[in-house]
Amino acid sequence: MDEDGVQLNSYLFFSFRYSITRKRRKAIRDFDLIAKVKPGGELSAADRQVVAYLLSSLEKSRENLNYLFIFVTSGLAILFDLFY
C-alpha cells in the first residue's frame, strides 16, 4: 500500500472512531445519564434503553483490537524504515 493509501485508511479509521465517540457522548448528554446514575437519580424506560445501548456498544467495541493493530503495524513500519 502506498503512502496515500495509508493516510486515507488512517483518516477513515479515525473519522469513524470520532463519529462513534460523538454518538455515545451525545446520548449521555441528551439523556443526562450521569446525573441519573448517581445515587438518588431515576432512570426512565428510555434512559434504560440508552444505558443498555452504551454499555453494549462499549462491550462489543473492537477498539482495543484496532489500537493493538495500529501499535503493531506502526512498530513494523518503524523497524522497516530503520533497516531498509
N, C-alpha and C. Protein backbone atom coordinates (compact mmCIF):
# COMPACT_ATOMS: atom_id res chain seq x y z
N MET A 1 0.85 -1.17 0.00
CA MET A 1 0.00 0.00 0.00
C MET A 1 0.90 1.24 0.00
N ASP A 2 0.56 2.19 -0.83
CA ASP A 2 1.38 3.39 -0.90
C ASP A 2 1.04 4.35 0.25
N GLU A 3 1.83 5.40 0.36
CA GLU A 3 1.67 6.35 1.47
C GLU A 3 0.30 7.02 1.47
N ASP A 4 -0.22 7.34 0.29
CA ASP A 4 -1.53 7.97 0.20
C ASP A 4 -2.63 7.03 0.71
N GLY A 5 -2.48 5.74 0.40
CA GLY A 5 -3.45 4.74 0.86
C GLY A 5 -3.44 4.61 2.37
N VAL A 6 -2.25 4.65 2.95
CA VAL A 6 -2.13 4.56 4.41
C VAL A 6 -2.77 5.79 5.05
N GLN A 7 -2.51 6.95 4.50
CA GLN A 7 -3.09 8.17 5.04
C GLN A 7 -4.61 8.15 4.94
N LEU A 8 -5.13 7.69 3.81
CA LEU A 8 -6.58 7.63 3.63
C LEU A 8 -7.19 6.65 4.62
N ASN A 9 -6.57 5.47 4.79
CA ASN A 9 -7.08 4.49 5.76
C ASN A 9 -7.07 5.06 7.17
N SER A 10 -6.00 5.75 7.54
CA SER A 10 -5.93 6.36 8.87
C SER A 10 -7.03 7.39 9.03
N TYR A 11 -7.24 8.21 8.02
CA TYR A 11 -8.28 9.23 8.06
C TYR A 11 -9.65 8.59 8.25
N LEU A 12 -9.94 7.56 7.46
CA LEU A 12 -11.24 6.90 7.55
C LEU A 12 -11.43 6.23 8.91
N PHE A 13 -10.40 5.56 9.40
CA PHE A 13 -10.49 4.88 10.69
C PHE A 13 -10.79 5.88 11.80
N PHE A 14 -9.99 6.94 11.87
CA PHE A 14 -10.16 7.89 12.96
C PHE A 14 -11.42 8.72 12.82
N SER A 15 -11.88 8.97 11.62
CA SER A 15 -13.15 9.68 11.46
C SER A 15 -14.31 8.79 11.91
N PHE A 16 -14.21 7.49 11.65
CA PHE A 16 -15.23 6.54 12.11
C PHE A 16 -15.24 6.48 13.63
N ARG A 17 -14.06 6.37 14.24
CA ARG A 17 -13.97 6.32 15.70
C ARG A 17 -14.52 7.60 16.32
N TYR A 18 -14.23 8.72 15.69
CA TYR A 18 -14.72 10.01 16.18
C TYR A 18 -16.25 10.03 16.15
N SER A 19 -16.84 9.53 15.07
CA SER A 19 -18.30 9.55 14.97
C SER A 19 -18.95 8.66 16.03
N ILE A 20 -18.36 7.51 16.31
CA ILE A 20 -18.89 6.61 17.35
C ILE A 20 -18.80 7.27 18.72
N THR A 21 -17.66 7.86 19.02
CA THR A 21 -17.47 8.52 20.31
C THR A 21 -18.45 9.69 20.45
N ARG A 22 -18.62 10.45 19.38
CA ARG A 22 -19.55 11.58 19.41
C ARG A 22 -20.98 11.11 19.67
N LYS A 23 -21.36 10.00 19.06
CA LYS A 23 -22.71 9.45 19.26
C LYS A 23 -22.90 9.03 20.71
N ARG A 24 -21.91 8.38 21.30
CA ARG A 24 -22.00 7.96 22.70
C ARG A 24 -22.10 9.17 23.63
N ARG A 25 -21.25 10.16 23.41
CA ARG A 25 -21.26 11.35 24.27
C ARG A 25 -22.59 12.10 24.16
N LYS A 26 -23.12 12.17 22.96
CA LYS A 26 -24.40 12.86 22.75
C LYS A 26 -25.52 12.14 23.50
N ALA A 27 -25.53 10.83 23.46
CA ALA A 27 -26.56 10.06 24.17
C ALA A 27 -26.45 10.29 25.68
N ILE A 28 -25.24 10.28 26.20
CA ILE A 28 -25.04 10.52 27.63
C ILE A 28 -25.54 11.91 28.01
N ARG A 29 -25.19 12.89 27.21
CA ARG A 29 -25.56 14.28 27.48
C ARG A 29 -27.07 14.50 27.29
N ASP A 30 -27.63 14.02 26.17
CA ASP A 30 -29.05 14.24 25.88
C ASP A 30 -29.97 13.63 26.94
N PHE A 31 -29.57 12.50 27.49
CA PHE A 31 -30.41 11.82 28.48
C PHE A 31 -29.96 12.13 29.92
N ASP A 32 -28.96 12.98 30.07
CA ASP A 32 -28.45 13.37 31.39
C ASP A 32 -28.18 12.13 32.25
N LEU A 33 -27.55 11.14 31.65
CA LEU A 33 -27.40 9.84 32.30
C LEU A 33 -26.47 9.86 33.51
N ILE A 34 -25.44 10.68 33.48
CA ILE A 34 -24.51 10.71 34.61
C ILE A 34 -25.24 11.12 35.88
N ALA A 35 -26.04 12.17 35.80
CA ALA A 35 -26.79 12.63 36.97
C ALA A 35 -27.80 11.58 37.42
N LYS A 36 -28.40 10.88 36.47
CA LYS A 36 -29.41 9.89 36.81
C LYS A 36 -28.82 8.62 37.42
N VAL A 37 -27.61 8.30 37.06
CA VAL A 37 -26.99 7.08 37.57
C VAL A 37 -26.43 7.30 38.98
N LYS A 38 -26.10 8.55 39.29
CA LYS A 38 -25.62 8.87 40.63
C LYS A 38 -26.71 8.54 41.64
N PRO A 39 -26.34 8.33 42.89
CA PRO A 39 -27.34 7.98 43.92
C PRO A 39 -28.52 8.96 43.93
N GLY A 40 -29.71 8.38 43.97
CA GLY A 40 -30.91 9.19 44.04
C GLY A 40 -31.52 9.49 42.68
N GLY A 41 -30.80 9.24 41.61
CA GLY A 41 -31.33 9.51 40.28
C GLY A 41 -32.26 8.39 39.83
N GLU A 42 -33.21 8.76 39.00
CA GLU A 42 -34.14 7.76 38.48
C GLU A 42 -33.97 7.64 36.98
N LEU A 43 -34.08 6.41 36.49
CA LEU A 43 -33.97 6.15 35.06
C LEU A 43 -35.34 5.80 34.50
N SER A 44 -35.70 6.48 33.43
CA SER A 44 -36.95 6.14 32.73
C SER A 44 -36.67 4.93 31.83
N ALA A 45 -37.71 4.45 31.19
CA ALA A 45 -37.54 3.33 30.26
C ALA A 45 -36.61 3.73 29.11
N ALA A 46 -36.77 4.96 28.60
CA ALA A 46 -35.90 5.45 27.52
C ALA A 46 -34.45 5.56 28.00
N ASP A 47 -34.27 6.04 29.23
CA ASP A 47 -32.93 6.14 29.80
C ASP A 47 -32.28 4.76 29.88
N ARG A 48 -33.05 3.78 30.31
CA ARG A 48 -32.52 2.41 30.44
C ARG A 48 -32.10 1.86 29.07
N GLN A 49 -32.88 2.18 28.04
CA GLN A 49 -32.52 1.74 26.69
C GLN A 49 -31.20 2.36 26.25
N VAL A 50 -31.03 3.64 26.54
CA VAL A 50 -29.80 4.32 26.15
C VAL A 50 -28.62 3.76 26.92
N VAL A 51 -28.78 3.52 28.21
CA VAL A 51 -27.70 2.94 29.02
C VAL A 51 -27.35 1.56 28.48
N ALA A 52 -28.35 0.76 28.16
CA ALA A 52 -28.11 -0.57 27.61
C ALA A 52 -27.36 -0.48 26.29
N TYR A 53 -27.76 0.48 25.43
CA TYR A 53 -27.07 0.68 24.15
C TYR A 53 -25.61 1.05 24.39
N LEU A 54 -25.36 2.02 25.28
CA LEU A 54 -23.99 2.47 25.53
C LEU A 54 -23.12 1.35 26.09
N LEU A 55 -23.64 0.63 27.06
CA LEU A 55 -22.86 -0.47 27.64
C LEU A 55 -22.62 -1.58 26.63
N SER A 56 -23.64 -1.91 25.86
CA SER A 56 -23.49 -2.93 24.82
C SER A 56 -22.48 -2.49 23.78
N SER A 57 -22.56 -1.24 23.39
CA SER A 57 -21.64 -0.68 22.40
C SER A 57 -20.20 -0.73 22.89
N LEU A 58 -20.00 -0.39 24.15
CA LEU A 58 -18.66 -0.44 24.72
C LEU A 58 -18.15 -1.87 24.84
N GLU A 59 -19.05 -2.78 25.23
CA GLU A 59 -18.66 -4.17 25.40
C GLU A 59 -18.29 -4.82 24.06
N LYS A 60 -19.05 -4.52 23.01
CA LYS A 60 -18.83 -5.12 21.71
C LYS A 60 -17.74 -4.44 20.89
N SER A 61 -17.33 -3.27 21.35
CA SER A 61 -16.35 -2.49 20.59
C SER A 61 -15.05 -3.27 20.41
N ARG A 62 -14.53 -3.18 19.21
CA ARG A 62 -13.25 -3.82 18.91
C ARG A 62 -12.13 -2.78 18.97
N GLU A 63 -12.41 -1.73 19.69
CA GLU A 63 -11.46 -0.62 19.80
C GLU A 63 -10.09 -1.08 20.27
N ASN A 64 -10.07 -1.96 21.27
CA ASN A 64 -8.78 -2.43 21.77
C ASN A 64 -8.00 -3.19 20.70
N LEU A 65 -8.69 -3.95 19.86
CA LEU A 65 -8.01 -4.67 18.78
C LEU A 65 -7.51 -3.70 17.72
N ASN A 66 -8.28 -2.67 17.45
CA ASN A 66 -7.86 -1.66 16.48
C ASN A 66 -6.59 -0.97 16.94
N TYR A 67 -6.56 -0.60 18.21
CA TYR A 67 -5.37 0.09 18.73
C TYR A 67 -4.17 -0.85 18.79
N LEU A 68 -4.40 -2.12 19.10
CA LEU A 68 -3.31 -3.10 19.08
C LEU A 68 -2.77 -3.24 17.65
N PHE A 69 -3.66 -3.30 16.68
CA PHE A 69 -3.25 -3.39 15.29
C PHE A 69 -2.43 -2.17 14.87
N ILE A 70 -2.89 -0.99 15.27
CA ILE A 70 -2.16 0.24 14.94
C ILE A 70 -0.78 0.22 15.59
N PHE A 71 -0.71 -0.21 16.84
CA PHE A 71 0.56 -0.27 17.56
C PHE A 71 1.54 -1.22 16.86
N VAL A 72 1.07 -2.41 16.54
CA VAL A 72 1.94 -3.42 15.92
C VAL A 72 2.39 -2.97 14.53
N THR A 73 1.46 -2.51 13.71
CA THR A 73 1.84 -2.11 12.35
C THR A 73 2.72 -0.86 12.36
N SER A 74 2.50 0.04 13.31
CA SER A 74 3.39 1.20 13.43
C SER A 74 4.80 0.77 13.80
N GLY A 75 4.90 -0.17 14.73
CA GLY A 75 6.21 -0.70 15.12
C GLY A 75 6.91 -1.36 13.95
N LEU A 76 6.17 -2.14 13.17
CA LEU A 76 6.75 -2.79 11.99
C LEU A 76 7.21 -1.76 10.96
N ALA A 77 6.42 -0.72 10.79
CA ALA A 77 6.78 0.34 9.84
C ALA A 77 8.06 1.05 10.28
N ILE A 78 8.20 1.29 11.57
CA ILE A 78 9.41 1.93 12.09
C ILE A 78 10.62 1.03 11.88
N LEU A 79 10.46 -0.26 12.20
CA LEU A 79 11.56 -1.20 12.00
C LEU A 79 11.94 -1.30 10.53
N PHE A 80 10.96 -1.36 9.67
CA PHE A 80 11.20 -1.44 8.24
C PHE A 80 11.96 -0.19 7.76
N ASP A 81 11.53 0.95 8.24
CA ASP A 81 12.17 2.21 7.86
C ASP A 81 13.62 2.28 8.37
N LEU A 82 13.86 1.76 9.56
CA LEU A 82 15.21 1.80 10.12
C LEU A 82 16.20 0.87 9.41
N PHE A 83 15.71 -0.29 8.97
CA PHE A 83 16.62 -1.30 8.45
C PHE A 83 16.57 -1.46 6.93
N TYR A 84 15.67 -0.79 6.23
CA TYR A 84 15.60 -0.96 4.78
C TYR A 84 15.63 0.35 4.08
